[in-house]
C-alpha cells in the first residue's frame, strides 16, 4: 500500500484479476467496486447493511460491501456478480421467475451462490436463515426459494 496525500494505492483481487485503485481510508468496498472499477452489480441501497443489495463474496463468504472498507480487501479474493459466469443459481433465478424489478437480484444471487456452495443439500431452515440477510421488496420470496431448491441436490 502506497500513501499519497491522504489517499492510498492498493491492489485488490476482484473476479480473479488484481486491480490497483486509489482510495481514501474511509472508502467502502462498495464505492470502489462501483465508482472506480465500474462493477455496478452490487447495489448502493441502504448503506447500513440491512438490505443485502451490495452483497459480494470475500473469500467465498457473502459480505455486505457497504460495511467493508476497501483497504480491508487487501489480500482477499473478491467476487462480484460480474465474476459469476453462467452458474446454476443464475439460470435457476431465470427459470423459476425469481426476478422482478431486478434491483436486489445481484446481491440475492451472490448470497444464494455462497449458500449452495457451502450447503449443497441445504434444508429449508438453513435456506431461510441465509436469506434473512437479503431483502426483496417485489417478490414473496417463494420463487427465490424454489430457485435455491432447484440447484440443491
C-alpha atoms as a PDB file:
ATOM      1  CA  UNK A   1       0.000   0.000   0.000  1.00  0.00           C
ATOM      2  CA  UNK A   2       1.422   3.373  -1.054  1.00  0.00           C
ATOM      3  CA  UNK A   3       0.140   6.574   0.593  1.00  0.00           C
ATOM      4  CA  UNK A   4      -0.259   9.774  -1.430  1.00  0.00           C
ATOM      5  CA  UNK A   5      -1.669  12.877   0.343  1.00  0.00           C
ATOM      6  CA  UNK A   6      -4.362  11.137   2.366  1.00  0.00           C
ATOM      7  CA  UNK A   7      -5.035   8.518  -0.278  1.00  0.00           C
ATOM      8  CA  UNK A   8      -3.649   5.047  -0.733  1.00  0.00           C
ATOM      9  CA  UNK A   9      -2.883   2.994  -3.805  1.00  0.00           C
ATOM     10  CA  UNK A  10      -3.944  -0.548  -3.052  1.00  0.00           C
ATOM     11  CA  UNK A  11      -4.115  -3.763  -5.013  1.00  0.00           C
ATOM     12  CA  UNK A  12      -7.232  -5.872  -4.657  1.00  0.00           C
ATOM     13  CA  UNK A  13      -8.152  -9.161  -6.301  1.00  0.00           C
ATOM     14  CA  UNK A  14     -11.554  -8.734  -7.942  1.00  0.00           C
ATOM     15  CA  UNK A  15     -13.025 -11.544 -10.015  1.00  0.00           C
ATOM     16  CA  UNK A  16      -9.613 -13.166 -10.349  1.00  0.00           C
ATOM     17  CA  UNK A  17      -7.788 -10.051 -11.537  1.00  0.00           C
ATOM     18  CA  UNK A  18      -5.539  -7.799  -9.467  1.00  0.00           C
ATOM     19  CA  UNK A  19      -6.732  -4.205  -9.708  1.00  0.00           C
ATOM     20  CA  UNK A  20      -4.808  -1.153  -8.473  1.00  0.00           C
ATOM     21  CA  UNK A  21      -7.068   1.566  -7.103  1.00  0.00           C
ATOM     22  CA  UNK A  22      -6.569   4.863  -5.313  1.00  0.00           C
ATOM     23  CA  UNK A  23      -8.660   5.012  -2.154  1.00  0.00           C
ATOM     24  CA  UNK A  24      -9.228   7.218   0.824  1.00  0.00           C
ATOM     25  CA  UNK A  25      -9.044   5.390   4.159  1.00  0.00           C
ATOM     26  CA  UNK A  26     -12.843   5.653   4.578  1.00  0.00           C
ATOM     27  CA  UNK A  27     -13.820   4.402   1.087  1.00  0.00           C
ATOM     28  CA  UNK A  28     -16.031   1.352   1.242  1.00  0.00           C
ATOM     29  CA  UNK A  29     -15.519  -1.662  -0.954  1.00  0.00           C
ATOM     30  CA  UNK A  30     -18.929  -0.921  -2.490  1.00  0.00           C
ATOM     31  CA  UNK A  31     -17.819   2.571  -3.502  1.00  0.00           C
ATOM     32  CA  UNK A  32     -14.579   1.314  -5.062  1.00  0.00           C
ATOM     33  CA  UNK A  33     -16.304  -1.500  -6.943  1.00  0.00           C
ATOM     34  CA  UNK A  34     -18.943   0.794  -8.418  1.00  0.00           C
ATOM     35  CA  UNK A  35     -17.172   4.114  -8.864  1.00  0.00           C
ATOM     36  CA  UNK A  36     -13.602   3.104  -9.635  1.00  0.00           C
ATOM     37  CA  UNK A  37     -13.920  -0.318 -11.208  1.00  0.00           C
ATOM     38  CA  UNK A  38     -17.274   0.114 -12.933  1.00  0.00           C
ATOM     39  CA  UNK A  39     -18.680  -3.062 -11.395  1.00  0.00           C
ATOM     40  CA  UNK A  40     -22.212  -1.866 -10.751  1.00  0.00           C
ATOM     41  CA  UNK A  41     -23.846  -5.196  -9.958  1.00  0.00           C
ATOM     42  CA  UNK A  42     -23.531  -4.593  -6.217  1.00  0.00           C
ATOM     43  CA  UNK A  43     -26.221  -2.016  -5.499  1.00  0.00           C
ATOM     44  CA  UNK A  44     -25.920   1.041  -3.299  1.00  0.00           C
ATOM     45  CA  UNK A  45     -29.209   0.885  -1.475  1.00  0.00           C
ATOM     46  CA  UNK A  46     -29.436   1.214   2.288  1.00  0.00           C
ATOM     47  CA  UNK A  47     -25.731   1.853   3.033  1.00  0.00           C
ATOM     48  CA  UNK A  48     -26.108   0.359   6.507  1.00  0.00           C
ATOM     49  CA  UNK A  49     -26.045  -3.386   5.886  1.00  0.00           C
ATOM     50  CA  UNK A  50     -29.757  -4.072   6.211  1.00  0.00           C
ATOM     51  CA  UNK A  51     -30.840  -4.934   2.666  1.00  0.00           C
ATOM     52  CA  UNK A  52     -28.090  -7.118   1.158  1.00  0.00           C
ATOM     53  CA  UNK A  53     -28.229  -5.353  -2.211  1.00  0.00           C
ATOM     54  CA  UNK A  54     -24.458  -4.821  -2.099  1.00  0.00           C
ATOM     55  CA  UNK A  55     -23.558  -8.437  -1.288  1.00  0.00           C
ATOM     56  CA  UNK A  56     -20.310  -9.721  -2.785  1.00  0.00           C
ATOM     57  CA  UNK A  57     -18.165 -12.697  -1.868  1.00  0.00           C
ATOM     58  CA  UNK A  58     -14.994 -12.193   0.121  1.00  0.00           C
ATOM     59  CA  UNK A  59     -13.024 -15.429   0.153  1.00  0.00           C
ATOM     60  CA  UNK A  60     -16.259 -17.200  -0.860  1.00  0.00           C
ATOM     61  CA  UNK A  61     -18.314 -15.799   2.031  1.00  0.00           C
ATOM     62  CA  UNK A  62     -21.137 -13.307   1.406  1.00  0.00           C
ATOM     63  CA  UNK A  63     -20.270  -9.865   2.752  1.00  0.00           C
ATOM     64  CA  UNK A  64     -22.182  -6.606   2.533  1.00  0.00           C
ATOM     65  CA  UNK A  65     -19.709  -4.425   0.692  1.00  0.00           C
ATOM     66  CA  UNK A  66     -21.173  -1.227   2.165  1.00  0.00           C
ATOM     67  CA  UNK A  67     -19.797  -2.381   5.532  1.00  0.00           C
ATOM     68  CA  UNK A  68     -16.296  -3.265   4.381  1.00  0.00           C
ATOM     69  CA  UNK A  69     -13.564  -0.732   3.829  1.00  0.00           C
ATOM     70  CA  UNK A  70     -11.707  -1.097   0.548  1.00  0.00           C
ATOM     71  CA  UNK A  71      -8.389  -1.333   2.414  1.00  0.00           C
ATOM     72  CA  UNK A  72      -9.760  -4.378   4.256  1.00  0.00           C
ATOM     73  CA  UNK A  73      -9.995  -6.166   0.898  1.00  0.00           C
ATOM     74  CA  UNK A  74      -6.215  -6.303   0.522  1.00  0.00           C
ATOM     75  CA  UNK A  75      -5.131  -9.934   0.421  1.00  0.00           C
ATOM     76  CA  UNK A  76      -8.630 -11.299  -0.089  1.00  0.00           C
ATOM     77  CA  UNK A  77     -10.429 -12.661  -3.136  1.00  0.00           C
ATOM     78  CA  UNK A  78     -13.456 -10.559  -4.028  1.00  0.00           C
ATOM     79  CA  UNK A  79     -16.134 -11.963  -6.329  1.00  0.00           C
ATOM     80  CA  UNK A  80     -18.937  -9.808  -7.678  1.00  0.00           C
ATOM     81  CA  UNK A  81     -21.954 -10.797  -9.744  1.00  0.00           C
ATOM     82  CA  UNK A  82     -19.902  -9.845 -12.804  1.00  0.00           C
ATOM     83  CA  UNK A  83     -17.443 -12.586 -11.830  1.00  0.00           C
ATOM     84  CA  UNK A  84     -20.030 -15.369 -11.956  1.00  0.00           C
ATOM     85  CA  UNK A  85     -20.323 -16.975 -15.353  1.00  0.00           C
ATOM     86  CA  UNK A  86     -23.447 -18.968 -16.107  1.00  0.00           C
ATOM     87  CA  UNK A  87     -23.686 -20.546 -12.660  1.00  0.00           C
ATOM     88  CA  UNK A  88     -26.665 -22.851 -11.997  1.00  0.00           C
ATOM     89  CA  UNK A  89     -28.179 -20.427  -9.461  1.00  0.00           C
ATOM     90  CA  UNK A  90     -28.205 -17.651 -12.079  1.00  0.00           C
ATOM     91  CA  UNK A  91     -30.072 -19.882 -14.510  1.00  0.00           C
ATOM     92  CA  UNK A  92     -32.433 -21.040 -11.753  1.00  0.00           C
ATOM     93  CA  UNK A  93     -33.423 -17.435 -10.997  1.00  0.00           C
ATOM     94  CA  UNK A  94     -34.467 -17.038 -14.624  1.00  0.00           C
ATOM     95  CA  UNK A  95     -36.184 -20.431 -14.909  1.00  0.00           C
ATOM     96  CA  UNK A  96     -38.127 -20.013 -11.641  1.00  0.00           C
ATOM     97  CA  UNK A  97     -39.085 -16.374 -12.329  1.00  0.00           C
ATOM     98  CA  UNK A  98     -37.239 -15.245  -9.183  1.00  0.00           C
ATOM     99  CA  UNK A  99     -36.538 -11.829 -10.689  1.00  0.00           C
ATOM    100  CA  UNK A 100     -38.988  -8.970 -10.769  1.00  0.00           C
ATOM    101  CA  UNK A 101     -37.557  -5.449 -10.793  1.00  0.00           C
ATOM    102  CA  UNK A 102     -34.031  -6.891 -10.584  1.00  0.00           C
ATOM    103  CA  UNK A 103     -32.570  -4.358  -8.155  1.00  0.00           C
ATOM    104  CA  UNK A 104     -31.893  -6.875  -5.370  1.00  0.00           C
ATOM    105  CA  UNK A 105     -31.086  -9.735  -7.736  1.00  0.00           C
ATOM    106  CA  UNK A 106     -27.265  -9.444  -7.881  1.00  0.00           C
ATOM    107  CA  UNK A 107     -26.924  -9.399  -4.089  1.00  0.00           C
ATOM    108  CA  UNK A 108     -29.522 -12.131  -3.742  1.00  0.00           C
ATOM    109  CA  UNK A 109     -27.737 -14.343  -6.291  1.00  0.00           C
ATOM    110  CA  UNK A 110     -24.366 -13.809  -4.598  1.00  0.00           C
ATOM    111  CA  UNK A 111     -25.827 -14.871  -1.254  1.00  0.00           C
ATOM    112  CA  UNK A 112     -27.614 -17.862  -2.823  1.00  0.00           C
ATOM    113  CA  UNK A 113     -24.470 -18.881  -4.699  1.00  0.00           C
ATOM    114  CA  UNK A 114     -22.461 -18.933  -1.457  1.00  0.00           C
ATOM    115  CA  UNK A 115     -25.261 -20.805   0.280  1.00  0.00           C
ATOM    116  CA  UNK A 116     -25.401 -23.537  -2.365  1.00  0.00           C
ATOM    117  CA  UNK A 117     -21.612 -23.926  -2.310  1.00  0.00           C
ATOM    118  CA  UNK A 118     -21.422 -24.184   1.483  1.00  0.00           C
ATOM    119  CA  UNK A 119     -24.599 -26.264   1.876  1.00  0.00           C
ATOM    120  CA  UNK A 120     -25.247 -28.219  -1.338  1.00  0.00           C
ATOM    121  CA  UNK A 121     -28.051 -30.125   0.445  1.00  0.00           C
ATOM    122  CA  UNK A 122     -29.463 -27.174   2.379  1.00  0.00           C
ATOM    123  CA  UNK A 123     -32.548 -27.712   4.478  1.00  0.00           C
ATOM    124  CA  UNK A 124     -35.434 -25.261   4.440  1.00  0.00           C
ATOM    125  CA  UNK A 125     -34.236 -23.933   7.796  1.00  0.00           C
ATOM    126  CA  UNK A 126     -30.720 -23.232   6.503  1.00  0.00           C
ATOM    127  CA  UNK A 127     -32.078 -21.556   3.376  1.00  0.00           C
ATOM    128  CA  UNK A 128     -34.427 -19.347   5.403  1.00  0.00           C
ATOM    129  CA  UNK A 129     -31.641 -18.401   7.821  1.00  0.00           C
ATOM    130  CA  UNK A 130     -29.291 -17.406   4.988  1.00  0.00           C
ATOM    131  CA  UNK A 131     -31.978 -15.482   3.142  1.00  0.00           C
ATOM    132  CA  UNK A 132     -32.733 -13.290   6.166  1.00  0.00           C
ATOM    133  CA  UNK A 133     -29.770 -11.137   5.152  1.00  0.00           C
ATOM    134  CA  UNK A 134     -31.273 -10.050   1.816  1.00  0.00           C
ATOM    135  CA  UNK A 135     -34.438  -8.060   1.273  1.00  0.00           C
ATOM    136  CA  UNK A 136     -36.574  -8.173  -1.848  1.00  0.00           C
ATOM    137  CA  UNK A 137     -39.339  -5.610  -1.984  1.00  0.00           C
ATOM    138  CA  UNK A 138     -41.073  -7.073  -5.045  1.00  0.00           C
ATOM    139  CA  UNK A 139     -41.483 -10.816  -4.540  1.00  0.00           C
ATOM    140  CA  UNK A 140     -42.968 -13.014  -1.898  1.00  0.00           C
ATOM    141  CA  UNK A 141     -39.666 -14.956  -1.854  1.00  0.00           C
ATOM    142  CA  UNK A 142     -41.377 -18.181  -2.982  1.00  0.00           C
ATOM    143  CA  UNK A 143     -39.770 -18.106  -6.429  1.00  0.00           C
ATOM    144  CA  UNK A 144     -36.364 -17.359  -4.874  1.00  0.00           C
ATOM    145  CA  UNK A 145     -36.751 -20.341  -2.534  1.00  0.00           C
ATOM    146  CA  UNK A 146     -37.721 -22.517  -5.493  1.00  0.00           C
ATOM    147  CA  UNK A 147     -34.653 -21.361  -7.407  1.00  0.00           C
ATOM    148  CA  UNK A 148     -32.379 -22.273  -4.491  1.00  0.00           C
ATOM    149  CA  UNK A 149     -34.034 -25.660  -4.012  1.00  0.00           C
ATOM    150  CA  UNK A 150     -33.760 -26.438  -7.726  1.00  0.00           C
ATOM    151  CA  UNK A 151     -29.956 -26.254  -7.564  1.00  0.00           C
ATOM    152  CA  UNK A 152     -29.653 -28.004  -4.199  1.00  0.00           C
ATOM    153  CA  UNK A 153     -29.057 -31.716  -4.545  1.00  0.00           C
END
